[in-house]
Amino acid sequence: MVAQVVPGRAVVRPRRRLAAVGLLALAAAGCAPFPVVERPQPEAREPVPAGEPPPEVRTMPAPPAAEPLPRPVPQPAPQALPEVPPSYHPAGEALVEQARREALLGNVAAAGSTLERALRIDGGNPWIWIELGHLRLEAGQAGAAESMARKALSLAMTDPQARQAAERLLALADGGR
C-alpha cells in the first residue's frame, strides 16, 4: 500500500495507523468505569435512652476476683558451660573427621588407626583421646576406654567441656566392667 499525499491532510502510514488504533483502544479501555458494588445498609436500631451506652459498648460485669496464686520464687539459672566446639590441629581435625566416617561405615579398626595417627600429630588434645576412648568402648574394650578417659582428664585442666566429656566417658567405661 502506498500512501498518497493529499494537500491539507496529514500523511498516515499503515504501520503508524495500526499503532494509533491500538493506543486508542488502550486509552478507551482505561476510561471504562469500575464496577460498582453496593454495600448492604445496616439495620435500623431503636434509639438508646440518654445516659446509657450503645449496645456495642456495654460491658459484662467482671467475674468475681479469685485469690491470686502464689508466685514461685525465682531460682538462679544453673551455670551452663558455653558451647565451645573442640579445637584441633588442622591435620588432626581432618583425621578425626575421617575416623568418624570410617566408624559410621562400620570399619572400626580403620577408625582406630586413623585416630592413633591424629594422636601422633596432636597428642596433647584431650578431645582426640575422648574420641578414641568412645571408639574403644563401642568395640567392647572398657579397660582401654577407661585409660583413654584418664589421659583426657589429665590433659583437660583448662577445658571444662573436655573435662566433663572425659568424666562421662570414664563413668561409661567403669559401668561397662
N, C-alpha and C. Protein backbone atom coordinates (compact mmCIF):
# COMPACT_ATOMS: atom_id res chain seq x y z
N MET A 1 0.85 -1.17 0.00
CA MET A 1 0.00 0.00 0.00
C MET A 1 0.89 1.23 0.00
N VAL A 2 0.61 2.11 -0.84
CA VAL A 2 1.40 3.32 -0.99
C VAL A 2 0.57 4.48 -0.47
N ALA A 3 1.22 5.29 0.37
CA ALA A 3 0.50 6.43 0.94
C ALA A 3 0.40 7.53 -0.11
N GLN A 4 -0.77 8.10 -0.22
CA GLN A 4 -0.96 9.20 -1.14
C GLN A 4 -0.85 10.50 -0.37
N VAL A 5 -0.29 11.46 -1.00
CA VAL A 5 -0.14 12.76 -0.39
C VAL A 5 -1.29 13.62 -0.88
N VAL A 6 -2.09 14.09 0.07
CA VAL A 6 -3.22 14.95 -0.25
C VAL A 6 -2.94 16.28 0.42
N PRO A 7 -3.03 17.39 -0.37
CA PRO A 7 -2.75 18.68 0.24
C PRO A 7 -3.74 18.98 1.37
N GLY A 8 -3.23 19.49 2.46
CA GLY A 8 -4.05 19.88 3.59
C GLY A 8 -4.37 18.73 4.54
N ARG A 9 -3.94 17.55 4.22
CA ARG A 9 -4.21 16.40 5.08
C ARG A 9 -2.89 15.80 5.55
N ALA A 10 -2.91 15.20 6.71
CA ALA A 10 -1.70 14.58 7.24
C ALA A 10 -1.49 13.25 6.55
N VAL A 11 -0.22 12.89 6.39
CA VAL A 11 0.12 11.62 5.78
C VAL A 11 0.17 10.57 6.90
N VAL A 12 -0.61 9.51 6.74
CA VAL A 12 -0.64 8.45 7.74
C VAL A 12 -0.17 7.18 7.06
N ARG A 13 0.84 6.61 7.57
CA ARG A 13 1.36 5.38 7.02
C ARG A 13 0.64 4.20 7.67
N PRO A 14 0.55 3.05 6.99
CA PRO A 14 -0.21 1.92 7.53
C PRO A 14 0.28 1.42 8.89
N ARG A 15 1.57 1.34 9.10
CA ARG A 15 2.08 0.85 10.39
C ARG A 15 1.72 1.80 11.51
N ARG A 16 1.84 3.05 11.24
CA ARG A 16 1.52 4.04 12.26
C ARG A 16 0.02 4.04 12.54
N ARG A 17 -0.77 3.77 11.50
CA ARG A 17 -2.21 3.73 11.68
C ARG A 17 -2.57 2.60 12.65
N LEU A 18 -1.94 1.43 12.49
CA LEU A 18 -2.20 0.30 13.36
C LEU A 18 -1.80 0.61 14.81
N ALA A 19 -0.66 1.27 14.97
CA ALA A 19 -0.21 1.64 16.31
C ALA A 19 -1.16 2.66 16.92
N ALA A 20 -1.64 3.60 16.14
CA ALA A 20 -2.55 4.62 16.65
C ALA A 20 -3.87 3.99 17.07
N VAL A 21 -4.35 3.02 16.30
CA VAL A 21 -5.61 2.34 16.65
C VAL A 21 -5.42 1.56 17.95
N GLY A 22 -4.28 0.91 18.09
CA GLY A 22 -4.01 0.17 19.32
C GLY A 22 -3.96 1.08 20.54
N LEU A 23 -3.32 2.24 20.41
CA LEU A 23 -3.24 3.19 21.53
C LEU A 23 -4.62 3.73 21.88
N LEU A 24 -5.44 4.00 20.87
CA LEU A 24 -6.78 4.49 21.14
C LEU A 24 -7.60 3.42 21.87
N ALA A 25 -7.43 2.15 21.48
CA ALA A 25 -8.17 1.08 22.15
C ALA A 25 -7.75 0.96 23.61
N LEU A 26 -6.45 1.09 23.87
CA LEU A 26 -5.98 1.03 25.26
C LEU A 26 -6.50 2.21 26.07
N ALA A 27 -6.50 3.38 25.48
CA ALA A 27 -6.98 4.56 26.18
C ALA A 27 -8.46 4.43 26.49
N ALA A 28 -9.21 3.89 25.55
CA ALA A 28 -10.65 3.72 25.77
C ALA A 28 -10.90 2.69 26.86
N ALA A 29 -10.10 1.63 26.89
CA ALA A 29 -10.27 0.62 27.93
C ALA A 29 -9.94 1.18 29.30
N GLY A 30 -8.98 2.08 29.36
CA GLY A 30 -8.60 2.68 30.63
C GLY A 30 -9.65 3.62 31.17
N CYS A 31 -10.51 4.13 30.30
CA CYS A 31 -11.55 5.06 30.73
C CYS A 31 -12.82 4.35 31.14
N ALA A 32 -12.85 3.03 31.01
CA ALA A 32 -14.05 2.28 31.36
C ALA A 32 -14.28 2.40 32.86
N PRO A 33 -15.54 2.56 33.26
CA PRO A 33 -15.82 2.70 34.70
C PRO A 33 -15.62 1.36 35.41
N PHE A 34 -15.21 1.46 36.67
CA PHE A 34 -15.07 0.28 37.50
C PHE A 34 -16.46 -0.19 37.93
N PRO A 35 -16.65 -1.48 38.11
CA PRO A 35 -17.97 -1.94 38.55
C PRO A 35 -18.24 -1.44 39.96
N VAL A 36 -19.47 -1.08 40.21
CA VAL A 36 -19.86 -0.54 41.50
C VAL A 36 -20.52 -1.66 42.29
N VAL A 37 -20.02 -1.87 43.49
CA VAL A 37 -20.58 -2.89 44.36
C VAL A 37 -21.29 -2.17 45.49
N GLU A 38 -22.55 -2.49 45.65
CA GLU A 38 -23.31 -1.84 46.71
C GLU A 38 -23.15 -2.61 48.01
N ARG A 39 -22.93 -1.89 49.06
CA ARG A 39 -22.83 -2.49 50.38
C ARG A 39 -24.21 -2.52 51.02
N PRO A 40 -24.49 -3.60 51.75
CA PRO A 40 -25.79 -3.61 52.44
C PRO A 40 -25.80 -2.57 53.55
N GLN A 41 -26.92 -1.91 53.69
CA GLN A 41 -27.06 -0.88 54.70
C GLN A 41 -27.32 -1.53 56.05
N PRO A 42 -26.75 -0.97 57.13
CA PRO A 42 -27.01 -1.55 58.45
C PRO A 42 -28.49 -1.42 58.79
N GLU A 43 -28.96 -2.35 59.61
CA GLU A 43 -30.36 -2.33 60.01
C GLU A 43 -30.62 -1.15 60.94
N ALA A 44 -31.80 -0.65 60.86
CA ALA A 44 -32.18 0.46 61.74
C ALA A 44 -32.33 -0.08 63.16
N ARG A 45 -31.85 0.66 64.12
CA ARG A 45 -31.93 0.24 65.51
C ARG A 45 -32.84 1.19 66.29
N GLU A 46 -33.27 0.67 67.41
CA GLU A 46 -34.09 1.52 68.27
C GLU A 46 -33.18 2.54 68.93
N PRO A 47 -33.71 3.72 69.17
CA PRO A 47 -32.88 4.73 69.84
C PRO A 47 -32.54 4.28 71.26
N VAL A 48 -31.33 4.62 71.68
CA VAL A 48 -30.86 4.27 73.01
C VAL A 48 -31.22 5.40 73.96
N PRO A 49 -31.76 5.07 75.13
CA PRO A 49 -32.10 6.15 76.08
C PRO A 49 -30.84 6.93 76.46
N ALA A 50 -31.04 8.19 76.78
CA ALA A 50 -29.92 9.07 77.13
C ALA A 50 -29.23 8.55 78.38
N GLY A 51 -27.91 8.64 78.38
CA GLY A 51 -27.12 8.23 79.54
C GLY A 51 -26.76 6.76 79.52
N GLU A 52 -27.28 5.99 78.60
CA GLU A 52 -26.97 4.57 78.51
C GLU A 52 -26.07 4.37 77.30
N PRO A 53 -24.99 3.59 77.45
CA PRO A 53 -24.10 3.41 76.30
C PRO A 53 -24.76 2.58 75.21
N PRO A 54 -24.34 2.74 73.98
CA PRO A 54 -24.90 1.94 72.90
C PRO A 54 -24.63 0.46 73.16
N PRO A 55 -25.42 -0.44 72.54
CA PRO A 55 -25.27 -1.87 72.82
C PRO A 55 -23.88 -2.41 72.55
N GLU A 56 -23.16 -1.89 71.57
CA GLU A 56 -21.82 -2.41 71.25
C GLU A 56 -20.83 -2.11 72.36
N VAL A 57 -21.09 -1.05 73.14
CA VAL A 57 -20.12 -0.60 74.13
C VAL A 57 -20.43 -1.16 75.52
N ARG A 58 -21.60 -1.71 75.72
CA ARG A 58 -21.94 -2.26 77.03
C ARG A 58 -20.96 -3.34 77.42
N THR A 59 -20.59 -3.36 78.67
CA THR A 59 -19.61 -4.34 79.13
C THR A 59 -20.27 -5.34 80.06
N MET A 60 -19.69 -6.51 80.11
CA MET A 60 -20.17 -7.54 81.01
C MET A 60 -19.56 -7.29 82.38
N PRO A 61 -20.25 -7.66 83.43
CA PRO A 61 -19.64 -7.48 84.75
C PRO A 61 -18.43 -8.40 84.89
N ALA A 62 -17.44 -7.93 85.61
CA ALA A 62 -16.21 -8.70 85.81
C ALA A 62 -16.50 -9.91 86.68
N PRO A 63 -15.89 -11.05 86.39
CA PRO A 63 -16.10 -12.22 87.24
C PRO A 63 -15.54 -11.95 88.63
N PRO A 64 -16.03 -12.65 89.62
CA PRO A 64 -15.52 -12.42 90.97
C PRO A 64 -14.02 -12.70 91.02
N ALA A 65 -13.33 -11.87 91.75
CA ALA A 65 -11.87 -11.97 91.83
C ALA A 65 -11.49 -13.23 92.60
N ALA A 66 -10.68 -14.04 91.98
CA ALA A 66 -10.18 -15.25 92.63
C ALA A 66 -8.92 -14.88 93.41
N GLU A 67 -8.61 -15.71 94.37
CA GLU A 67 -7.39 -15.45 95.14
C GLU A 67 -6.20 -15.60 94.21
N PRO A 68 -5.29 -14.66 94.28
CA PRO A 68 -4.12 -14.76 93.40
C PRO A 68 -3.26 -15.96 93.79
N LEU A 69 -2.75 -16.63 92.76
CA LEU A 69 -1.88 -17.77 93.01
C LEU A 69 -0.53 -17.28 93.50
N PRO A 70 0.08 -18.01 94.43
CA PRO A 70 1.40 -17.58 94.90
C PRO A 70 2.40 -17.68 93.76
N ARG A 71 3.21 -16.68 93.66
CA ARG A 71 4.24 -16.67 92.63
C ARG A 71 5.44 -17.50 93.08
N PRO A 72 5.98 -18.29 92.16
CA PRO A 72 7.16 -19.07 92.56
C PRO A 72 8.36 -18.14 92.75
N VAL A 73 9.18 -18.51 93.69
CA VAL A 73 10.38 -17.73 93.96
C VAL A 73 11.37 -18.00 92.83
N PRO A 74 11.84 -16.94 92.18
CA PRO A 74 12.78 -17.17 91.07
C PRO A 74 14.07 -17.81 91.57
N GLN A 75 14.48 -18.83 90.87
CA GLN A 75 15.71 -19.54 91.21
C GLN A 75 16.79 -19.12 90.21
N PRO A 76 18.00 -19.00 90.67
CA PRO A 76 19.07 -18.66 89.71
C PRO A 76 19.26 -19.81 88.73
N ALA A 77 19.50 -19.45 87.49
CA ALA A 77 19.70 -20.47 86.45
C ALA A 77 21.01 -21.19 86.71
N PRO A 78 21.03 -22.49 86.48
CA PRO A 78 22.30 -23.21 86.66
C PRO A 78 23.33 -22.69 85.66
N GLN A 79 24.52 -22.62 86.13
CA GLN A 79 25.60 -22.13 85.28
C GLN A 79 25.98 -23.19 84.27
N ALA A 80 25.54 -23.01 83.06
CA ALA A 80 25.87 -23.95 81.99
C ALA A 80 27.16 -23.50 81.31
N LEU A 81 27.89 -24.46 80.90
CA LEU A 81 29.12 -24.14 80.19
C LEU A 81 28.78 -23.66 78.79
N PRO A 82 29.47 -22.65 78.32
CA PRO A 82 29.20 -22.21 76.95
C PRO A 82 29.60 -23.31 75.97
N GLU A 83 28.79 -23.46 74.93
CA GLU A 83 29.10 -24.48 73.93
C GLU A 83 30.26 -23.99 73.06
N VAL A 84 31.40 -24.56 73.29
CA VAL A 84 32.58 -24.24 72.51
C VAL A 84 32.99 -25.52 71.80
N PRO A 85 33.08 -25.48 70.48
CA PRO A 85 33.47 -26.71 69.79
C PRO A 85 34.91 -27.07 70.12
N PRO A 86 35.21 -28.36 70.12
CA PRO A 86 36.59 -28.77 70.40
C PRO A 86 37.53 -28.18 69.36
N SER A 87 38.72 -27.84 69.80
CA SER A 87 39.69 -27.30 68.85
C SER A 87 40.74 -28.37 68.55
N TYR A 88 41.06 -28.49 67.30
CA TYR A 88 42.02 -29.48 66.84
C TYR A 88 43.08 -28.80 66.00
N HIS A 89 44.21 -29.47 65.87
CA HIS A 89 45.20 -29.09 64.87
C HIS A 89 44.53 -29.36 63.52
N PRO A 90 44.74 -28.53 62.49
CA PRO A 90 44.04 -28.76 61.22
C PRO A 90 44.21 -30.17 60.66
N ALA A 91 45.41 -30.71 60.72
CA ALA A 91 45.62 -32.07 60.22
C ALA A 91 44.94 -33.09 61.13
N GLY A 92 44.98 -32.83 62.44
CA GLY A 92 44.31 -33.72 63.39
C GLY A 92 42.80 -33.69 63.20
N GLU A 93 42.26 -32.52 62.91
CA GLU A 93 40.82 -32.40 62.69
C GLU A 93 40.39 -33.19 61.46
N ALA A 94 41.20 -33.12 60.40
CA ALA A 94 40.88 -33.88 59.18
C ALA A 94 40.90 -35.38 59.48
N LEU A 95 41.85 -35.81 60.29
CA LEU A 95 41.93 -37.23 60.63
C LEU A 95 40.77 -37.66 61.52
N VAL A 96 40.35 -36.79 62.44
CA VAL A 96 39.20 -37.12 63.30
C VAL A 96 37.94 -37.26 62.45
N GLU A 97 37.75 -36.35 61.49
CA GLU A 97 36.58 -36.44 60.60
C GLU A 97 36.64 -37.73 59.78
N GLN A 98 37.82 -38.07 59.30
CA GLN A 98 37.97 -39.30 58.52
C GLN A 98 37.65 -40.52 59.40
N ALA A 99 38.11 -40.50 60.64
CA ALA A 99 37.84 -41.62 61.56
C ALA A 99 36.34 -41.74 61.84
N ARG A 100 35.65 -40.60 61.96
CA ARG A 100 34.19 -40.65 62.19
C ARG A 100 33.48 -41.28 61.00
N ARG A 101 33.91 -40.92 59.79
CA ARG A 101 33.30 -41.51 58.59
C ARG A 101 33.55 -43.02 58.55
N GLU A 102 34.79 -43.42 58.88
CA GLU A 102 35.12 -44.85 58.87
C GLU A 102 34.29 -45.60 59.90
N ALA A 103 34.11 -45.00 61.07
CA ALA A 103 33.32 -45.65 62.11
C ALA A 103 31.86 -45.78 61.69
N LEU A 104 31.32 -44.75 61.01
CA LEU A 104 29.94 -44.82 60.54
C LEU A 104 29.76 -45.91 59.50
N LEU A 105 30.79 -46.15 58.73
CA LEU A 105 30.73 -47.20 57.71
C LEU A 105 30.97 -48.59 58.30
N GLY A 106 31.26 -48.64 59.61
CA GLY A 106 31.45 -49.92 60.27
C GLY A 106 32.88 -50.41 60.29
N ASN A 107 33.81 -49.63 59.82
CA ASN A 107 35.21 -50.02 59.80
C ASN A 107 35.89 -49.47 61.05
N VAL A 108 35.66 -50.14 62.17
CA VAL A 108 36.14 -49.68 63.46
C VAL A 108 37.66 -49.74 63.56
N ALA A 109 38.27 -50.76 62.98
CA ALA A 109 39.73 -50.90 63.04
C ALA A 109 40.40 -49.75 62.30
N ALA A 110 39.90 -49.40 61.13
CA ALA A 110 40.49 -48.28 60.37
C ALA A 110 40.26 -46.97 61.11
N ALA A 111 39.10 -46.81 61.74
CA ALA A 111 38.82 -45.58 62.50
C ALA A 111 39.79 -45.45 63.67
N GLY A 112 40.05 -46.56 64.39
CA GLY A 112 41.00 -46.52 65.50
C GLY A 112 42.40 -46.19 65.02
N SER A 113 42.80 -46.76 63.90
CA SER A 113 44.12 -46.47 63.33
C SER A 113 44.24 -44.99 62.95
N THR A 114 43.18 -44.45 62.38
CA THR A 114 43.19 -43.04 61.97
C THR A 114 43.27 -42.13 63.19
N LEU A 115 42.55 -42.47 64.26
CA LEU A 115 42.62 -41.65 65.48
C LEU A 115 44.00 -41.74 66.12
N GLU A 116 44.65 -42.89 66.05
CA GLU A 116 46.01 -43.01 66.59
C GLU A 116 46.97 -42.14 65.79
N ARG A 117 46.78 -42.04 64.47
CA ARG A 117 47.59 -41.12 63.66
C ARG A 117 47.35 -39.68 64.09
N ALA A 118 46.08 -39.34 64.38
CA ALA A 118 45.76 -37.98 64.85
C ALA A 118 46.45 -37.69 66.17
N LEU A 119 46.54 -38.72 67.04
CA LEU A 119 47.23 -38.52 68.33
C LEU A 119 48.72 -38.27 68.13
N ARG A 120 49.32 -38.89 67.10
CA ARG A 120 50.75 -38.62 66.84
C ARG A 120 50.96 -37.18 66.41
N ILE A 121 49.96 -36.58 65.78
CA ILE A 121 50.06 -35.18 65.35
C ILE A 121 49.72 -34.23 66.49
N ASP A 122 48.64 -34.53 67.23
CA ASP A 122 48.12 -33.63 68.26
C ASP A 122 47.82 -34.42 69.52
N GLY A 123 48.86 -35.02 70.12
CA GLY A 123 48.69 -35.89 71.28
C GLY A 123 48.27 -35.18 72.54
N GLY A 124 48.41 -33.88 72.60
CA GLY A 124 48.03 -33.12 73.79
C GLY A 124 46.57 -32.68 73.77
N ASN A 125 45.82 -33.11 72.77
CA ASN A 125 44.43 -32.70 72.64
C ASN A 125 43.54 -33.74 73.32
N PRO A 126 42.83 -33.35 74.40
CA PRO A 126 42.00 -34.33 75.12
C PRO A 126 40.84 -34.85 74.28
N TRP A 127 40.37 -34.06 73.32
CA TRP A 127 39.21 -34.47 72.53
C TRP A 127 39.52 -35.69 71.66
N ILE A 128 40.74 -35.79 71.17
CA ILE A 128 41.10 -36.95 70.36
C ILE A 128 41.14 -38.20 71.24
N TRP A 129 41.65 -38.05 72.47
CA TRP A 129 41.67 -39.17 73.41
C TRP A 129 40.24 -39.61 73.74
N ILE A 130 39.33 -38.64 73.87
CA ILE A 130 37.94 -38.95 74.16
C ILE A 130 37.31 -39.69 72.99
N GLU A 131 37.56 -39.21 71.76
CA GLU A 131 37.04 -39.89 70.55
C GLU A 131 37.52 -41.34 70.51
N LEU A 132 38.83 -41.53 70.74
CA LEU A 132 39.39 -42.88 70.70
C LEU A 132 38.83 -43.74 71.83
N GLY A 133 38.61 -43.13 73.01
CA GLY A 133 38.01 -43.87 74.13
C GLY A 133 36.61 -44.35 73.81
N HIS A 134 35.79 -43.50 73.18
CA HIS A 134 34.44 -43.92 72.80
C HIS A 134 34.49 -45.04 71.77
N LEU A 135 35.43 -44.94 70.86
CA LEU A 135 35.57 -45.98 69.84
C LEU A 135 35.94 -47.32 70.50
N ARG A 136 36.88 -47.26 71.46
CA ARG A 136 37.29 -48.48 72.16
C ARG A 136 36.14 -49.04 72.99
N LEU A 137 35.35 -48.16 73.62
CA LEU A 137 34.22 -48.61 74.43
C LEU A 137 33.19 -49.31 73.55
N GLU A 138 32.93 -48.77 72.37
CA GLU A 138 31.98 -49.40 71.46
C GLU A 138 32.49 -50.76 70.97
N ALA A 139 33.81 -50.92 70.93
CA ALA A 139 34.39 -52.19 70.50
C ALA A 139 34.44 -53.19 71.64
N GLY A 140 33.96 -52.77 72.83
CA GLY A 140 33.94 -53.69 73.97
C GLY A 140 35.22 -53.69 74.78
N GLN A 141 36.07 -52.73 74.59
CA GLN A 141 37.35 -52.64 75.32
C GLN A 141 37.22 -51.58 76.42
N ALA A 142 36.50 -51.93 77.49
CA ALA A 142 36.24 -50.98 78.57
C ALA A 142 37.53 -50.53 79.26
N GLY A 143 38.50 -51.43 79.42
CA GLY A 143 39.76 -51.06 80.07
C GLY A 143 40.52 -50.02 79.25
N ALA A 144 40.56 -50.19 77.95
CA ALA A 144 41.24 -49.22 77.08
C ALA A 144 40.49 -47.89 77.11
N ALA A 145 39.14 -47.94 77.12
CA ALA A 145 38.35 -46.71 77.16
C ALA A 145 38.60 -45.96 78.46
N GLU A 146 38.71 -46.70 79.57
CA GLU A 146 38.99 -46.05 80.86
C GLU A 146 40.36 -45.37 80.82
N SER A 147 41.33 -46.04 80.25
CA SER A 147 42.67 -45.47 80.13
C SER A 147 42.65 -44.19 79.29
N MET A 148 41.90 -44.21 78.19
CA MET A 148 41.80 -43.02 77.33
C MET A 148 41.11 -41.88 78.09
N ALA A 149 40.08 -42.21 78.88
CA ALA A 149 39.37 -41.18 79.64
C ALA A 149 40.27 -40.55 80.68
N ARG A 150 41.10 -41.37 81.36
CA ARG A 150 42.02 -40.83 82.36
C ARG A 150 43.07 -39.92 81.71
N LYS A 151 43.56 -40.32 80.55
CA LYS A 151 44.53 -39.48 79.83
C LYS A 151 43.88 -38.16 79.43
N ALA A 152 42.63 -38.21 78.94
CA ALA A 152 41.92 -36.99 78.56
C ALA A 152 41.71 -36.09 79.77
N LEU A 153 41.38 -36.69 80.92
CA LEU A 153 41.21 -35.89 82.15
C LEU A 153 42.49 -35.17 82.53
N SER A 154 43.61 -35.84 82.37
CA SER A 154 44.88 -35.21 82.73
C SER A 154 45.23 -34.06 81.78
N LEU A 155 44.74 -34.11 80.55
CA LEU A 155 45.04 -33.07 79.57
C LEU A 155 44.00 -31.94 79.57
N ALA A 156 42.86 -32.15 80.20
CA ALA A 156 41.76 -31.19 80.12
C ALA A 156 41.70 -30.26 81.31
N MET A 157 42.81 -29.84 81.83
CA MET A 157 42.81 -28.97 83.00
C MET A 157 42.18 -27.61 82.71
N THR A 158 42.35 -27.08 81.52
CA THR A 158 41.84 -25.74 81.21
C THR A 158 40.60 -25.76 80.34
N ASP A 159 40.11 -26.95 79.98
CA ASP A 159 38.92 -27.06 79.12
C ASP A 159 37.82 -27.79 79.89
N PRO A 160 36.90 -27.03 80.52
CA PRO A 160 35.88 -27.68 81.35
C PRO A 160 34.95 -28.61 80.55
N GLN A 161 34.70 -28.29 79.31
CA GLN A 161 33.84 -29.15 78.50
C GLN A 161 34.53 -30.48 78.20
N ALA A 162 35.79 -30.43 77.89
CA ALA A 162 36.53 -31.66 77.65
C ALA A 162 36.60 -32.48 78.93
N ARG A 163 36.75 -31.78 80.05
CA ARG A 163 36.80 -32.48 81.33
C ARG A 163 35.48 -33.21 81.60
N GLN A 164 34.36 -32.55 81.34
CA GLN A 164 33.06 -33.20 81.54
C GLN A 164 32.89 -34.39 80.59
N ALA A 165 33.31 -34.22 79.35
CA ALA A 165 33.18 -35.32 78.38
C ALA A 165 34.05 -36.50 78.80
N ALA A 166 35.24 -36.22 79.32
CA ALA A 166 36.13 -37.29 79.77
C ALA A 166 35.55 -37.98 81.00
N GLU A 167 34.93 -37.22 81.91
CA GLU A 167 34.30 -37.82 83.09
C GLU A 167 33.13 -38.72 82.69
N ARG A 168 32.34 -38.28 81.69
CA ARG A 168 31.24 -39.13 81.20
C ARG A 168 31.78 -40.42 80.60
N LEU A 169 32.86 -40.30 79.83
CA LEU A 169 33.47 -41.49 79.22
C LEU A 169 33.99 -42.42 80.32
N LEU A 170 34.61 -41.87 81.34
CA LEU A 170 35.13 -42.67 82.45
C LEU A 170 33.98 -43.40 83.15
N ALA A 171 32.85 -42.70 83.37
CA ALA A 171 31.71 -43.33 84.01
C ALA A 171 31.14 -44.45 83.14
N LEU A 172 31.09 -44.23 81.84
CA LEU A 172 30.61 -45.27 80.94
C LEU A 172 31.55 -46.49 80.93
N ALA A 173 32.86 -46.20 80.95
CA ALA A 173 33.84 -47.28 80.94
C ALA A 173 33.79 -48.08 82.23
N ASP A 174 33.63 -47.40 83.37
CA ASP A 174 33.53 -48.10 84.65
C ASP A 174 32.26 -48.90 84.74
N GLY A 175 31.19 -48.43 84.13
CA GLY A 175 29.93 -49.15 84.14
C GLY A 175 29.97 -50.36 83.23
N GLY A 176 30.89 -50.39 82.27
CA GLY A 176 30.99 -51.49 81.33
C GLY A 176 31.78 -52.66 81.87
N ARG A 177 32.34 -52.53 83.06
CA ARG A 177 33.14 -53.63 83.64
C ARG A 177 32.32 -54.56 84.42
